[in-house]
Amino acid sequence: MNDNDKTAKAAPEIVPSGAPCPMCGKPAELKYRPFCSKRCADLDLSRWLNGVYAIPARETDPDDDEET
């Protein structure tokens, strides 16, 4: 095979730390770290954008802030 041949696929580089993909548990790939693939990375992004992941917030009363 020629070095310029774009049709040959290289083996994915596994992240050496051994940390699994947080979405599916497969070994993470260096290119998509901490995920194993673009699919898992996109699924995680979708969850953030759709509000599945949320940081809880505490509602405060504006009058409470004025106390000294």
N, C-alpha and C. Protein backbone atom coordinates (compact mmCIF):
# COMPACT_ATOMS: atom_id res chain seq x y z
N MET A 1 0.83 -1.18 0.00
CA MET A 1 0.00 0.00 0.00
C MET A 1 0.88 1.25 0.00
N ASN A 2 0.42 2.27 -0.64
CA ASN A 2 1.14 3.52 -0.72
C ASN A 2 0.84 4.38 0.51
N ASP A 3 1.84 5.15 1.00
CA ASP A 3 1.64 6.01 2.16
C ASP A 3 0.62 7.10 1.90
N ASN A 4 0.43 7.46 0.63
CA ASN A 4 -0.51 8.51 0.28
C ASN A 4 -1.93 8.00 0.10
N ASP A 5 -2.13 6.71 0.25
CA ASP A 5 -3.45 6.11 0.06
C ASP A 5 -4.36 6.48 1.23
N LYS A 6 -5.40 7.26 0.98
CA LYS A 6 -6.31 7.76 2.02
C LYS A 6 -7.37 6.73 2.41
N THR A 7 -7.48 5.64 1.68
CA THR A 7 -8.54 4.66 1.96
C THR A 7 -8.18 3.75 3.12
N ALA A 8 -6.92 3.65 3.47
CA ALA A 8 -6.52 2.78 4.57
C ALA A 8 -6.84 3.48 5.89
N LYS A 9 -7.45 2.73 6.82
CA LYS A 9 -7.79 3.30 8.12
C LYS A 9 -6.77 2.83 9.14
N ALA A 10 -6.31 3.77 9.94
CA ALA A 10 -5.39 3.43 11.02
C ALA A 10 -6.20 2.95 12.22
N ALA A 11 -5.57 2.11 13.01
CA ALA A 11 -6.23 1.63 14.22
C ALA A 11 -6.40 2.80 15.18
N PRO A 12 -7.54 2.88 15.88
CA PRO A 12 -7.75 3.98 16.81
C PRO A 12 -6.75 3.91 17.96
N GLU A 13 -6.33 5.08 18.43
CA GLU A 13 -5.41 5.13 19.56
C GLU A 13 -6.23 5.13 20.85
N ILE A 14 -6.01 4.11 21.65
CA ILE A 14 -6.72 3.98 22.92
C ILE A 14 -6.02 4.86 23.96
N VAL A 15 -6.79 5.52 24.79
CA VAL A 15 -6.23 6.36 25.84
C VAL A 15 -5.52 5.46 26.84
N PRO A 16 -4.25 5.73 27.12
CA PRO A 16 -3.48 4.84 27.97
C PRO A 16 -3.93 4.77 29.43
N SER A 17 -4.66 5.74 29.90
CA SER A 17 -5.07 5.74 31.31
C SER A 17 -6.05 4.61 31.62
N GLY A 18 -6.67 4.05 30.60
CA GLY A 18 -7.61 2.97 30.82
C GLY A 18 -8.97 3.45 31.25
N ALA A 19 -9.21 4.76 31.24
CA ALA A 19 -10.52 5.28 31.61
C ALA A 19 -11.54 4.91 30.54
N PRO A 20 -12.64 4.33 30.95
CA PRO A 20 -13.66 3.94 29.97
C PRO A 20 -14.48 5.14 29.50
N CYS A 21 -15.12 4.97 28.37
CA CYS A 21 -16.03 5.98 27.84
C CYS A 21 -17.17 6.17 28.84
N PRO A 22 -17.49 7.40 29.23
CA PRO A 22 -18.57 7.60 30.20
C PRO A 22 -19.96 7.27 29.66
N MET A 23 -20.09 7.15 28.35
CA MET A 23 -21.40 6.85 27.77
C MET A 23 -21.65 5.35 27.65
N CYS A 24 -20.65 4.59 27.17
CA CYS A 24 -20.90 3.18 26.89
C CYS A 24 -19.95 2.22 27.60
N GLY A 25 -18.88 2.74 28.17
CA GLY A 25 -17.97 1.89 28.91
C GLY A 25 -16.83 1.27 28.11
N LYS A 26 -16.82 1.47 26.79
CA LYS A 26 -15.72 0.96 25.98
C LYS A 26 -14.47 1.78 26.25
N PRO A 27 -13.28 1.26 25.90
CA PRO A 27 -12.06 2.06 26.10
C PRO A 27 -12.11 3.35 25.29
N ALA A 28 -11.69 4.43 25.89
CA ALA A 28 -11.73 5.75 25.23
C ALA A 28 -10.65 5.83 24.15
N GLU A 29 -10.95 6.56 23.08
CA GLU A 29 -9.98 6.82 22.01
C GLU A 29 -9.38 8.19 22.21
N LEU A 30 -8.12 8.33 21.89
CA LEU A 30 -7.42 9.59 22.07
C LEU A 30 -8.09 10.72 21.29
N LYS A 31 -8.56 10.43 20.08
CA LYS A 31 -9.17 11.46 19.23
C LYS A 31 -10.44 12.04 19.84
N TYR A 32 -11.21 11.22 20.56
CA TYR A 32 -12.51 11.66 21.09
C TYR A 32 -12.51 11.71 22.62
N ARG A 33 -11.36 11.70 23.24
CA ARG A 33 -11.23 11.63 24.69
C ARG A 33 -12.16 12.60 25.39
N PRO A 34 -12.90 12.21 26.38
CA PRO A 34 -12.89 10.96 27.12
C PRO A 34 -13.81 9.89 26.54
N PHE A 35 -14.33 10.12 25.35
CA PHE A 35 -15.28 9.19 24.74
C PHE A 35 -14.57 8.20 23.82
N CYS A 36 -15.30 7.18 23.39
CA CYS A 36 -14.73 6.16 22.51
C CYS A 36 -14.97 6.47 21.04
N SER A 37 -15.94 7.33 20.75
CA SER A 37 -16.28 7.61 19.35
C SER A 37 -16.99 8.96 19.24
N LYS A 38 -17.14 9.41 18.02
CA LYS A 38 -17.88 10.65 17.77
C LYS A 38 -19.33 10.49 18.19
N ARG A 39 -19.88 9.30 18.01
CA ARG A 39 -21.27 9.04 18.37
C ARG A 39 -21.49 9.28 19.86
N CYS A 40 -20.62 8.73 20.71
CA CYS A 40 -20.78 8.91 22.15
C CYS A 40 -20.57 10.38 22.54
N ALA A 41 -19.61 11.05 21.90
CA ALA A 41 -19.39 12.47 22.18
C ALA A 41 -20.63 13.28 21.80
N ASP A 42 -21.23 12.96 20.65
CA ASP A 42 -22.43 13.68 20.21
C ASP A 42 -23.63 13.40 21.12
N LEU A 43 -23.74 12.17 21.61
CA LEU A 43 -24.83 11.85 22.54
C LEU A 43 -24.70 12.66 23.82
N ASP A 44 -23.48 12.79 24.33
CA ASP A 44 -23.25 13.57 25.54
C ASP A 44 -23.59 15.04 25.30
N LEU A 45 -23.15 15.60 24.18
CA LEU A 45 -23.45 16.98 23.84
C LEU A 45 -24.96 17.19 23.75
N SER A 46 -25.65 16.25 23.13
CA SER A 46 -27.11 16.34 23.01
C SER A 46 -27.78 16.38 24.38
N ARG A 47 -27.27 15.58 25.31
CA ARG A 47 -27.85 15.58 26.66
C ARG A 47 -27.65 16.93 27.33
N TRP A 48 -26.48 17.54 27.15
CA TRP A 48 -26.26 18.87 27.73
C TRP A 48 -27.20 19.89 27.11
N LEU A 49 -27.32 19.87 25.78
CA LEU A 49 -28.14 20.86 25.09
C LEU A 49 -29.63 20.71 25.37
N ASN A 50 -30.08 19.49 25.66
CA ASN A 50 -31.49 19.25 25.94
C ASN A 50 -31.84 19.38 27.42
N GLY A 51 -30.85 19.73 28.24
CA GLY A 51 -31.12 19.96 29.66
C GLY A 51 -31.19 18.72 30.51
N VAL A 52 -30.74 17.58 29.99
CA VAL A 52 -30.74 16.36 30.79
C VAL A 52 -29.77 16.53 31.95
N TYR A 53 -28.60 17.10 31.66
CA TYR A 53 -27.64 17.42 32.70
C TYR A 53 -27.91 18.86 33.14
N ALA A 54 -28.01 19.08 34.42
CA ALA A 54 -28.25 20.43 34.91
C ALA A 54 -27.56 20.60 36.26
N ILE A 55 -27.07 21.77 36.50
CA ILE A 55 -26.46 22.09 37.77
C ILE A 55 -27.56 22.71 38.63
N PRO A 56 -27.85 22.12 39.78
CA PRO A 56 -28.93 22.66 40.61
C PRO A 56 -28.60 24.06 41.11
N ALA A 57 -29.60 24.89 41.12
CA ALA A 57 -29.44 26.26 41.59
C ALA A 57 -30.41 26.51 42.74
N ARG A 58 -30.02 27.39 43.64
CA ARG A 58 -30.88 27.73 44.75
C ARG A 58 -31.47 29.11 44.48
N GLU A 59 -32.77 29.17 44.48
CA GLU A 59 -33.47 30.45 44.29
C GLU A 59 -33.24 31.31 45.53
N THR A 60 -32.94 32.58 45.32
CA THR A 60 -32.77 33.48 46.45
C THR A 60 -33.81 34.60 46.37
N ASP A 61 -34.22 35.06 47.52
CA ASP A 61 -35.17 36.14 47.60
C ASP A 61 -34.37 37.46 47.58
N PRO A 62 -34.70 38.41 46.73
CA PRO A 62 -33.94 39.66 46.67
C PRO A 62 -33.87 40.39 48.01
N ASP A 63 -34.89 40.23 48.86
CA ASP A 63 -34.89 40.87 50.17
C ASP A 63 -33.85 40.27 51.10
N ASP A 64 -33.56 38.97 50.92
CA ASP A 64 -32.57 38.30 51.75
C ASP A 64 -31.16 38.85 51.51
N ASP A 65 -30.88 39.32 50.32
CA ASP A 65 -29.55 39.84 49.99
C ASP A 65 -29.25 41.17 50.67
N GLU A 66 -30.26 41.88 51.09
CA GLU A 66 -30.09 43.21 51.67
C GLU A 66 -29.83 43.15 53.18
N GLU A 67 -29.94 41.99 53.79
CA GLU A 67 -29.72 41.87 55.23
C GLU A 67 -28.25 42.10 55.53
N THR A 68 -27.97 42.76 56.66
CA THR A 68 -26.61 43.05 57.04
C THR A 68 -26.22 42.35 58.30
